[in-house]
Amino acid sequence: MAGKDIQVTLVKSLAGQLKNIQASARGLGLKRIHQTVTVKDTRENRGMINAAVHLLRIEEKGA
C-alpha cells in the first residue's frame, strides 16, 4: 500500500445520497461529476472510497 496513488473520478451525482456518502466524496476532494482527483492509498482514503464506491471510478497508480 505504501507509496501508491489512487485516481478517483466521480461518475454519478451526489444528489439524493446519504449524508455520510456525500461527506466521503467531499472528503476525497470531489465536488463535480467527472472531476478526477489523485489521493494516497491509505486506510482512511480506502474507507471513504468504499463508502461511495457505487458513485466512483477507481484506477490504481503505482508510484
N, C-alpha and C. Protein backbone atom coordinates (compact mmCIF):
# COMPACT_ATOMS: atom_id res chain seq x y z
N MET A 1 0.81 -1.20 0.00
CA MET A 1 0.00 0.00 0.00
C MET A 1 0.85 1.27 0.00
N ALA A 2 1.96 1.26 0.69
CA ALA A 2 2.75 2.48 0.83
C ALA A 2 3.30 2.93 -0.52
N GLY A 3 3.21 4.23 -0.78
CA GLY A 3 3.77 4.78 -1.99
C GLY A 3 2.86 4.75 -3.20
N LYS A 4 1.70 4.16 -3.09
CA LYS A 4 0.80 4.10 -4.24
C LYS A 4 -0.19 5.25 -4.20
N ASP A 5 -0.67 5.58 -5.39
CA ASP A 5 -1.70 6.60 -5.52
C ASP A 5 -2.93 5.97 -6.15
N ILE A 6 -4.08 6.55 -5.87
CA ILE A 6 -5.33 6.10 -6.45
C ILE A 6 -5.96 7.29 -7.15
N GLN A 7 -6.35 7.09 -8.40
CA GLN A 7 -7.05 8.13 -9.15
C GLN A 7 -8.54 7.84 -9.05
N VAL A 8 -9.30 8.78 -8.52
CA VAL A 8 -10.72 8.60 -8.26
C VAL A 8 -11.51 9.63 -9.05
N THR A 9 -12.54 9.16 -9.78
CA THR A 9 -13.39 10.04 -10.58
C THR A 9 -14.83 9.87 -10.13
N LEU A 10 -15.52 10.98 -9.91
CA LEU A 10 -16.93 10.96 -9.57
C LEU A 10 -17.73 10.82 -10.86
N VAL A 11 -18.47 9.71 -11.01
CA VAL A 11 -19.20 9.46 -12.25
C VAL A 11 -20.71 9.57 -12.10
N LYS A 12 -21.20 9.64 -10.87
CA LYS A 12 -22.63 9.83 -10.63
C LYS A 12 -22.83 10.94 -9.61
N SER A 13 -24.00 11.53 -9.62
CA SER A 13 -24.30 12.68 -8.78
C SER A 13 -24.39 12.30 -7.31
N LEU A 14 -24.04 13.27 -6.46
CA LEU A 14 -24.17 13.10 -5.01
C LEU A 14 -25.58 13.43 -4.52
N ALA A 15 -26.39 14.02 -5.39
CA ALA A 15 -27.75 14.42 -5.02
C ALA A 15 -28.57 13.20 -4.62
N GLY A 16 -29.23 13.28 -3.48
CA GLY A 16 -30.08 12.21 -3.02
C GLY A 16 -29.36 11.11 -2.26
N GLN A 17 -28.04 11.23 -2.12
CA GLN A 17 -27.28 10.23 -1.38
C GLN A 17 -27.32 10.54 0.12
N LEU A 18 -27.04 9.53 0.92
CA LEU A 18 -26.96 9.74 2.36
C LEU A 18 -25.84 10.72 2.68
N LYS A 19 -25.98 11.43 3.80
CA LYS A 19 -25.02 12.47 4.18
C LYS A 19 -23.61 11.90 4.36
N ASN A 20 -23.49 10.67 4.89
CA ASN A 20 -22.15 10.12 5.09
C ASN A 20 -21.48 9.79 3.75
N ILE A 21 -22.27 9.41 2.75
CA ILE A 21 -21.71 9.14 1.42
C ILE A 21 -21.27 10.45 0.77
N GLN A 22 -22.08 11.49 0.89
CA GLN A 22 -21.71 12.80 0.36
C GLN A 22 -20.44 13.31 1.04
N ALA A 23 -20.36 13.13 2.36
CA ALA A 23 -19.20 13.59 3.11
C ALA A 23 -17.94 12.83 2.72
N SER A 24 -18.07 11.55 2.41
CA SER A 24 -16.92 10.76 1.99
C SER A 24 -16.40 11.24 0.64
N ALA A 25 -17.29 11.51 -0.30
CA ALA A 25 -16.87 12.01 -1.61
C ALA A 25 -16.22 13.39 -1.48
N ARG A 26 -16.82 14.24 -0.67
CA ARG A 26 -16.23 15.56 -0.47
C ARG A 26 -14.89 15.47 0.25
N GLY A 27 -14.76 14.52 1.17
CA GLY A 27 -13.50 14.30 1.87
C GLY A 27 -12.38 13.87 0.94
N LEU A 28 -12.74 13.20 -0.15
CA LEU A 28 -11.75 12.83 -1.15
C LEU A 28 -11.41 14.00 -2.07
N GLY A 29 -12.17 15.09 -1.97
CA GLY A 29 -11.92 16.27 -2.79
C GLY A 29 -12.78 16.34 -4.03
N LEU A 30 -13.83 15.53 -4.10
CA LEU A 30 -14.70 15.50 -5.27
C LEU A 30 -15.90 16.42 -5.07
N LYS A 31 -16.11 17.32 -6.03
CA LYS A 31 -17.21 18.27 -5.93
C LYS A 31 -18.18 18.15 -7.10
N ARG A 32 -17.65 17.83 -8.29
CA ARG A 32 -18.47 17.82 -9.51
C ARG A 32 -18.37 16.47 -10.21
N ILE A 33 -19.39 16.14 -10.99
CA ILE A 33 -19.36 14.92 -11.80
C ILE A 33 -18.23 15.04 -12.81
N HIS A 34 -17.54 13.95 -13.06
CA HIS A 34 -16.40 13.83 -13.97
C HIS A 34 -15.15 14.52 -13.46
N GLN A 35 -15.16 14.96 -12.21
CA GLN A 35 -13.95 15.51 -11.61
C GLN A 35 -13.08 14.35 -11.16
N THR A 36 -11.78 14.44 -11.40
CA THR A 36 -10.84 13.40 -11.02
C THR A 36 -9.83 13.96 -10.04
N VAL A 37 -9.54 13.20 -8.98
CA VAL A 37 -8.51 13.57 -8.02
C VAL A 37 -7.59 12.38 -7.81
N THR A 38 -6.37 12.66 -7.40
CA THR A 38 -5.41 11.62 -7.06
C THR A 38 -5.16 11.70 -5.56
N VAL A 39 -5.38 10.57 -4.87
CA VAL A 39 -5.19 10.52 -3.43
C VAL A 39 -4.22 9.39 -3.09
N LYS A 40 -3.59 9.49 -1.93
CA LYS A 40 -2.70 8.43 -1.45
C LYS A 40 -3.51 7.20 -1.06
N ASP A 41 -2.91 6.04 -1.23
CA ASP A 41 -3.56 4.78 -0.89
C ASP A 41 -3.36 4.51 0.61
N THR A 42 -4.27 5.08 1.41
CA THR A 42 -4.22 4.89 2.86
C THR A 42 -5.51 4.22 3.32
N ARG A 43 -5.51 3.73 4.53
CA ARG A 43 -6.70 3.09 5.09
C ARG A 43 -7.86 4.07 5.16
N GLU A 44 -7.56 5.32 5.50
CA GLU A 44 -8.60 6.34 5.62
C GLU A 44 -9.25 6.62 4.27
N ASN A 45 -8.41 6.80 3.25
CA ASN A 45 -8.95 7.07 1.91
C ASN A 45 -9.69 5.87 1.36
N ARG A 46 -9.20 4.66 1.62
CA ARG A 46 -9.90 3.45 1.18
C ARG A 46 -11.28 3.35 1.82
N GLY A 47 -11.40 3.75 3.07
CA GLY A 47 -12.70 3.74 3.75
C GLY A 47 -13.68 4.70 3.10
N MET A 48 -13.20 5.89 2.75
CA MET A 48 -14.08 6.86 2.08
C MET A 48 -14.46 6.38 0.69
N ILE A 49 -13.52 5.76 -0.01
CA ILE A 49 -13.82 5.21 -1.34
C ILE A 49 -14.85 4.10 -1.23
N ASN A 50 -14.71 3.21 -0.26
CA ASN A 50 -15.66 2.11 -0.10
C ASN A 50 -17.06 2.60 0.25
N ALA A 51 -17.16 3.72 0.95
CA ALA A 51 -18.48 4.25 1.30
C ALA A 51 -19.23 4.73 0.06
N ALA A 52 -18.49 5.26 -0.93
CA ALA A 52 -19.13 5.85 -2.10
C ALA A 52 -18.75 5.11 -3.38
N VAL A 53 -18.37 3.85 -3.28
CA VAL A 53 -17.83 3.11 -4.43
C VAL A 53 -18.81 3.03 -5.59
N HIS A 54 -20.10 3.07 -5.32
CA HIS A 54 -21.11 2.98 -6.39
C HIS A 54 -21.21 4.26 -7.21
N LEU A 55 -20.54 5.32 -6.78
CA LEU A 55 -20.57 6.59 -7.49
C LEU A 55 -19.23 6.91 -8.17
N LEU A 56 -18.23 6.05 -7.96
CA LEU A 56 -16.86 6.37 -8.34
C LEU A 56 -16.30 5.41 -9.38
N ARG A 57 -15.30 5.90 -10.12
CA ARG A 57 -14.45 5.06 -10.95
C ARG A 57 -13.06 5.16 -10.32
N ILE A 58 -12.43 4.01 -10.05
CA ILE A 58 -11.16 3.97 -9.35
C ILE A 58 -10.09 3.36 -10.23
N GLU A 59 -8.92 4.00 -10.29
CA GLU A 59 -7.77 3.47 -11.00
C GLU A 59 -6.58 3.55 -10.07
N GLU A 60 -5.87 2.42 -9.90
CA GLU A 60 -4.70 2.41 -9.05
C GLU A 60 -3.48 2.79 -9.88
N LYS A 61 -2.67 3.66 -9.32
CA LYS A 61 -1.45 4.12 -9.98
C LYS A 61 -0.26 3.77 -9.11
N GLY A 62 0.75 3.15 -9.69
CA GLY A 62 1.98 2.86 -8.95
C GLY A 62 2.84 4.13 -8.86
N ALA A 63 3.62 4.22 -7.79
CA ALA A 63 4.42 5.43 -7.63
C ALA A 63 5.88 5.17 -7.79
